[in-house]
Amino acid sequence: IIDAMIGTGAQVSDTEKPVLVDYLFTNYGKKSEPAAPPAAAGATGDDPGKEILQKACTVCHGLDGLVNHVYATKEPYRSLVENMISYGAPVTDAQLGPLVDYMFKTYGKK
């Protein structure tokens, strides 16, 4: 991920790179258990997917770009989330479904 960021212009020296890797892994690396299970997230009355989106996706970026992802089915959202997980997004298997459902319902083609 860091190499890709450097490739797009991030200013990270060779000596800073391992420090950044350690920091990102410690603070954003995949955890063995979710921070808040989907059932507990719904206790506030919000859609569990909304809370997962806000907590997991804003770790690295804002949500404004989602308005450009208007799809007619859930599959492109699933692919998008799986791609983000491969980059380290803290989304568990149990959270994937509710997150994709929320993204489709909120941003999908009407």
N, C-alpha and C. Protein backbone atom coordinates (compact mmCIF):
# COMPACT_ATOMS: atom_id res chain seq x y z
N ILE A 1 0.83 -1.18 0.00
CA ILE A 1 0.00 0.00 0.00
C ILE A 1 0.88 1.24 0.00
N ILE A 2 1.89 1.22 0.83
CA ILE A 2 2.78 2.39 0.91
C ILE A 2 3.51 2.59 -0.41
N ASP A 3 3.98 1.50 -1.01
CA ASP A 3 4.64 1.62 -2.31
C ASP A 3 3.70 2.21 -3.36
N ALA A 4 2.44 1.80 -3.33
CA ALA A 4 1.46 2.36 -4.27
C ALA A 4 1.26 3.85 -4.01
N MET A 5 1.22 4.22 -2.74
CA MET A 5 1.06 5.64 -2.40
C MET A 5 2.28 6.44 -2.84
N ILE A 6 3.46 5.87 -2.66
CA ILE A 6 4.68 6.53 -3.12
C ILE A 6 4.65 6.69 -4.64
N GLY A 7 4.14 5.67 -5.30
CA GLY A 7 4.02 5.70 -6.76
C GLY A 7 3.10 6.79 -7.27
N THR A 8 2.18 7.22 -6.42
CA THR A 8 1.27 8.30 -6.82
C THR A 8 1.68 9.64 -6.24
N GLY A 9 2.90 9.69 -5.65
CA GLY A 9 3.42 10.98 -5.22
C GLY A 9 3.62 11.20 -3.74
N ALA A 10 3.29 10.24 -2.90
CA ALA A 10 3.51 10.42 -1.46
C ALA A 10 5.00 10.56 -1.18
N GLN A 11 5.34 11.50 -0.33
CA GLN A 11 6.74 11.77 0.00
C GLN A 11 7.14 10.98 1.24
N VAL A 12 7.66 9.77 1.03
CA VAL A 12 8.09 8.90 2.12
C VAL A 12 9.49 8.39 1.79
N SER A 13 10.44 8.66 2.67
CA SER A 13 11.81 8.22 2.43
C SER A 13 11.97 6.75 2.80
N ASP A 14 13.08 6.15 2.38
CA ASP A 14 13.35 4.74 2.70
C ASP A 14 13.46 4.53 4.21
N THR A 15 13.96 5.51 4.93
CA THR A 15 14.08 5.37 6.39
C THR A 15 12.74 5.56 7.09
N GLU A 16 11.84 6.32 6.49
CA GLU A 16 10.51 6.54 7.09
C GLU A 16 9.56 5.38 6.82
N LYS A 17 9.80 4.66 5.74
CA LYS A 17 8.89 3.60 5.31
C LYS A 17 8.62 2.54 6.38
N PRO A 18 9.64 1.94 7.02
CA PRO A 18 9.33 0.92 8.03
C PRO A 18 8.60 1.49 9.26
N VAL A 19 8.88 2.73 9.58
CA VAL A 19 8.18 3.38 10.70
C VAL A 19 6.70 3.53 10.36
N LEU A 20 6.43 3.94 9.12
CA LEU A 20 5.05 4.10 8.67
C LEU A 20 4.33 2.76 8.61
N VAL A 21 5.01 1.73 8.12
CA VAL A 21 4.41 0.39 8.07
C VAL A 21 4.02 -0.06 9.47
N ASP A 22 4.93 0.08 10.44
CA ASP A 22 4.64 -0.31 11.82
C ASP A 22 3.45 0.47 12.38
N TYR A 23 3.43 1.76 12.13
CA TYR A 23 2.34 2.60 12.64
C TYR A 23 1.00 2.16 12.04
N LEU A 24 0.96 2.00 10.72
CA LEU A 24 -0.29 1.61 10.07
C LEU A 24 -0.76 0.24 10.53
N PHE A 25 0.17 -0.70 10.66
CA PHE A 25 -0.22 -2.04 11.10
C PHE A 25 -0.75 -2.01 12.53
N THR A 26 -0.07 -1.29 13.40
CA THR A 26 -0.48 -1.22 14.80
C THR A 26 -1.85 -0.57 14.95
N ASN A 27 -2.09 0.49 14.21
CA ASN A 27 -3.32 1.26 14.38
C ASN A 27 -4.46 0.83 13.47
N TYR A 28 -4.14 0.26 12.30
CA TYR A 28 -5.20 -0.05 11.34
C TYR A 28 -5.15 -1.48 10.82
N GLY A 29 -4.24 -2.29 11.31
CA GLY A 29 -4.15 -3.68 10.86
C GLY A 29 -5.39 -4.46 11.21
N LYS A 30 -5.64 -5.51 10.47
CA LYS A 30 -6.83 -6.32 10.68
C LYS A 30 -6.82 -6.91 12.09
N LYS A 31 -7.89 -6.72 12.80
CA LYS A 31 -8.03 -7.23 14.16
C LYS A 31 -8.73 -8.58 14.11
N SER A 32 -8.50 -9.41 15.10
CA SER A 32 -9.09 -10.74 15.12
C SER A 32 -10.59 -10.70 15.40
N GLU A 33 -11.07 -9.66 16.08
CA GLU A 33 -12.49 -9.53 16.37
C GLU A 33 -12.95 -8.14 15.97
N PRO A 34 -14.20 -8.01 15.50
CA PRO A 34 -14.68 -6.69 15.12
C PRO A 34 -14.82 -5.76 16.33
N ALA A 35 -14.66 -4.47 16.11
CA ALA A 35 -14.78 -3.49 17.18
C ALA A 35 -16.21 -3.47 17.73
N ALA A 36 -17.19 -3.56 16.86
CA ALA A 36 -18.59 -3.60 17.29
C ALA A 36 -19.33 -4.53 16.35
N PRO A 37 -19.85 -5.64 16.86
CA PRO A 37 -20.56 -6.56 15.99
C PRO A 37 -21.78 -5.89 15.36
N PRO A 38 -22.18 -6.30 14.16
CA PRO A 38 -23.30 -5.66 13.48
C PRO A 38 -24.57 -5.59 14.31
N ALA A 39 -24.88 -6.61 15.12
CA ALA A 39 -26.10 -6.57 15.92
C ALA A 39 -26.06 -5.42 16.92
N ALA A 40 -24.92 -5.19 17.54
CA ALA A 40 -24.79 -4.11 18.51
C ALA A 40 -24.85 -2.75 17.84
N ALA A 41 -24.36 -2.68 16.59
CA ALA A 41 -24.35 -1.40 15.88
C ALA A 41 -25.77 -0.92 15.64
N GLY A 42 -26.72 -1.84 15.45
CA GLY A 42 -28.09 -1.45 15.19
C GLY A 42 -28.82 -0.96 16.42
N ALA A 43 -28.21 -1.07 17.59
CA ALA A 43 -28.87 -0.67 18.83
C ALA A 43 -29.18 0.82 18.85
N THR A 44 -28.46 1.63 18.07
CA THR A 44 -28.70 3.07 18.05
C THR A 44 -29.86 3.42 17.14
N GLY A 45 -30.41 2.45 16.40
CA GLY A 45 -31.49 2.72 15.48
C GLY A 45 -30.98 2.94 14.06
N ASP A 46 -29.68 3.15 13.89
CA ASP A 46 -29.10 3.31 12.58
C ASP A 46 -28.95 1.96 11.90
N ASP A 47 -28.87 2.00 10.60
CA ASP A 47 -28.57 0.80 9.81
C ASP A 47 -27.17 0.33 10.20
N PRO A 48 -26.98 -0.95 10.52
CA PRO A 48 -25.64 -1.42 10.91
C PRO A 48 -24.61 -1.13 9.82
N GLY A 49 -25.00 -1.22 8.56
CA GLY A 49 -24.08 -0.95 7.47
C GLY A 49 -23.56 0.47 7.48
N LYS A 50 -24.40 1.41 7.89
CA LYS A 50 -23.98 2.81 7.95
C LYS A 50 -22.85 2.99 8.96
N GLU A 51 -23.01 2.39 10.12
CA GLU A 51 -21.98 2.50 11.16
C GLU A 51 -20.68 1.81 10.72
N ILE A 52 -20.80 0.66 10.06
CA ILE A 52 -19.61 -0.04 9.56
C ILE A 52 -18.91 0.85 8.54
N LEU A 53 -19.67 1.43 7.63
CA LEU A 53 -19.10 2.32 6.61
C LEU A 53 -18.36 3.49 7.25
N GLN A 54 -19.01 4.12 8.21
CA GLN A 54 -18.40 5.29 8.85
C GLN A 54 -17.14 4.94 9.63
N LYS A 55 -17.15 3.81 10.30
CA LYS A 55 -15.99 3.43 11.12
C LYS A 55 -14.86 2.84 10.29
N ALA A 56 -15.18 1.96 9.36
CA ALA A 56 -14.13 1.24 8.62
C ALA A 56 -13.56 2.05 7.47
N CYS A 57 -14.39 2.74 6.74
CA CYS A 57 -13.93 3.38 5.51
C CYS A 57 -13.25 4.72 5.75
N THR A 58 -13.68 5.42 6.78
CA THR A 58 -13.08 6.74 7.03
C THR A 58 -11.73 6.64 7.72
N VAL A 59 -11.27 5.44 7.99
CA VAL A 59 -9.93 5.25 8.54
C VAL A 59 -8.90 5.80 7.54
N CYS A 60 -9.18 5.62 6.25
CA CYS A 60 -8.22 6.01 5.21
C CYS A 60 -8.70 7.15 4.32
N HIS A 61 -9.99 7.32 4.15
CA HIS A 61 -10.48 8.34 3.22
C HIS A 61 -11.88 8.78 3.61
N GLY A 62 -12.33 9.86 2.99
CA GLY A 62 -13.68 10.36 3.21
C GLY A 62 -14.69 9.55 2.41
N LEU A 63 -15.95 9.90 2.55
CA LEU A 63 -17.02 9.18 1.87
C LEU A 63 -17.58 9.93 0.67
N ASP A 64 -17.09 11.14 0.42
CA ASP A 64 -17.61 11.95 -0.68
C ASP A 64 -17.52 11.24 -2.03
N GLY A 65 -16.48 10.46 -2.24
CA GLY A 65 -16.28 9.78 -3.52
C GLY A 65 -17.32 8.72 -3.82
N LEU A 66 -18.06 8.28 -2.83
CA LEU A 66 -19.07 7.24 -3.07
C LEU A 66 -20.19 7.70 -4.00
N VAL A 67 -20.41 8.99 -4.09
CA VAL A 67 -21.46 9.48 -5.00
C VAL A 67 -21.12 9.16 -6.45
N ASN A 68 -19.86 8.86 -6.72
CA ASN A 68 -19.44 8.49 -8.08
C ASN A 68 -19.57 7.00 -8.35
N HIS A 69 -19.98 6.25 -7.33
CA HIS A 69 -20.14 4.80 -7.48
C HIS A 69 -21.63 4.48 -7.44
N VAL A 70 -22.28 4.65 -8.57
CA VAL A 70 -23.72 4.39 -8.69
C VAL A 70 -23.89 3.14 -9.54
N TYR A 71 -24.24 2.04 -8.89
CA TYR A 71 -24.35 0.77 -9.58
C TYR A 71 -25.77 0.23 -9.49
N ALA A 72 -26.13 -0.59 -10.49
CA ALA A 72 -27.49 -1.15 -10.56
C ALA A 72 -27.65 -2.42 -9.74
N THR A 73 -26.53 -3.02 -9.30
CA THR A 73 -26.59 -4.25 -8.49
C THR A 73 -25.62 -4.13 -7.32
N LYS A 74 -25.72 -5.08 -6.39
CA LYS A 74 -24.85 -5.08 -5.21
C LYS A 74 -23.43 -5.54 -5.52
N GLU A 75 -23.26 -6.34 -6.57
CA GLU A 75 -21.96 -6.96 -6.84
C GLU A 75 -20.81 -5.95 -6.98
N PRO A 76 -20.98 -4.82 -7.69
CA PRO A 76 -19.87 -3.87 -7.75
C PRO A 76 -19.50 -3.29 -6.38
N TYR A 77 -20.48 -3.13 -5.50
CA TYR A 77 -20.18 -2.65 -4.15
C TYR A 77 -19.40 -3.71 -3.38
N ARG A 78 -19.80 -4.98 -3.54
CA ARG A 78 -19.08 -6.07 -2.89
C ARG A 78 -17.62 -6.09 -3.38
N SER A 79 -17.41 -5.95 -4.68
CA SER A 79 -16.05 -5.93 -5.24
C SER A 79 -15.26 -4.75 -4.70
N LEU A 80 -15.91 -3.60 -4.60
CA LEU A 80 -15.26 -2.40 -4.08
C LEU A 80 -14.81 -2.61 -2.64
N VAL A 81 -15.69 -3.16 -1.82
CA VAL A 81 -15.37 -3.41 -0.40
C VAL A 81 -14.28 -4.47 -0.29
N GLU A 82 -14.38 -5.54 -1.06
CA GLU A 82 -13.36 -6.59 -1.00
C GLU A 82 -11.99 -6.02 -1.41
N ASN A 83 -11.97 -5.13 -2.39
CA ASN A 83 -10.73 -4.48 -2.79
C ASN A 83 -10.17 -3.65 -1.63
N MET A 84 -11.03 -2.92 -0.95
CA MET A 84 -10.58 -2.10 0.17
C MET A 84 -10.09 -2.99 1.32
N ILE A 85 -10.72 -4.14 1.52
CA ILE A 85 -10.27 -5.08 2.55
C ILE A 85 -8.86 -5.57 2.20
N SER A 86 -8.61 -5.79 0.92
CA SER A 86 -7.26 -6.24 0.52
C SER A 86 -6.21 -5.18 0.80
N TYR A 87 -6.64 -3.92 0.89
CA TYR A 87 -5.73 -2.83 1.25
C TYR A 87 -5.67 -2.61 2.75
N GLY A 88 -6.46 -3.37 3.51
CA GLY A 88 -6.39 -3.28 4.96
C GLY A 88 -7.62 -2.70 5.65
N ALA A 89 -8.69 -2.47 4.92
CA ALA A 89 -9.91 -1.94 5.56
C ALA A 89 -10.36 -2.91 6.64
N PRO A 90 -10.65 -2.40 7.84
CA PRO A 90 -11.02 -3.28 8.96
C PRO A 90 -12.49 -3.71 8.91
N VAL A 91 -12.81 -4.57 7.94
CA VAL A 91 -14.16 -5.09 7.76
C VAL A 91 -14.09 -6.60 7.88
N THR A 92 -14.89 -7.17 8.78
CA THR A 92 -14.90 -8.62 8.97
C THR A 92 -15.86 -9.26 7.97
N ASP A 93 -15.78 -10.58 7.86
CA ASP A 93 -16.69 -11.31 6.98
C ASP A 93 -18.15 -11.07 7.39
N ALA A 94 -18.40 -11.01 8.69
CA ALA A 94 -19.76 -10.78 9.19
C ALA A 94 -20.27 -9.38 8.85
N GLN A 95 -19.38 -8.42 8.70
CA GLN A 95 -19.77 -7.05 8.41
C GLN A 95 -19.92 -6.78 6.91
N LEU A 96 -19.36 -7.65 6.08
CA LEU A 96 -19.37 -7.42 4.64
C LEU A 96 -20.78 -7.31 4.08
N GLY A 97 -21.65 -8.24 4.41
CA GLY A 97 -23.03 -8.23 3.89
C GLY A 97 -23.80 -6.97 4.27
N PRO A 98 -23.87 -6.64 5.57
CA PRO A 98 -24.58 -5.42 5.95
C PRO A 98 -23.99 -4.15 5.32
N LEU A 99 -22.67 -4.11 5.17
CA LEU A 99 -22.03 -2.95 4.56
C LEU A 99 -22.42 -2.82 3.08
N VAL A 100 -22.35 -3.92 2.35
CA VAL A 100 -22.72 -3.92 0.93
C VAL A 100 -24.19 -3.56 0.77
N ASP A 101 -25.05 -4.13 1.61
CA ASP A 101 -26.49 -3.82 1.55
C ASP A 101 -26.72 -2.33 1.75
N TYR A 102 -26.05 -1.74 2.74
CA TYR A 102 -26.21 -0.31 3.02
C TYR A 102 -25.71 0.54 1.85
N MET A 103 -24.56 0.18 1.31
CA MET A 103 -24.00 0.96 0.19
C MET A 103 -24.94 0.92 -1.01
N PHE A 104 -25.48 -0.26 -1.31
CA PHE A 104 -26.39 -0.39 -2.45
C PHE A 104 -27.67 0.43 -2.20
N LYS A 105 -28.21 0.31 -1.00
CA LYS A 105 -29.45 1.01 -0.67
C LYS A 105 -29.24 2.53 -0.70
N THR A 106 -28.09 2.99 -0.26
CA THR A 106 -27.83 4.42 -0.15
C THR A 106 -27.30 5.04 -1.44
N TYR A 107 -26.39 4.35 -2.12
CA TYR A 107 -25.71 4.93 -3.28
C TYR A 107 -26.09 4.27 -4.61
N GLY A 108 -26.79 3.12 -4.57
CA GLY A 108 -27.12 2.39 -5.77
C GLY A 108 -28.07 3.14 -6.68
N LYS A 109 -28.08 2.71 -7.92
CA LYS A 109 -28.94 3.33 -8.93
C LYS A 109 -30.40 3.17 -8.54
N LYS A 110 -31.10 4.27 -8.54
CA LYS A 110 -32.50 4.28 -8.12
C LYS A 110 -33.41 3.96 -9.28
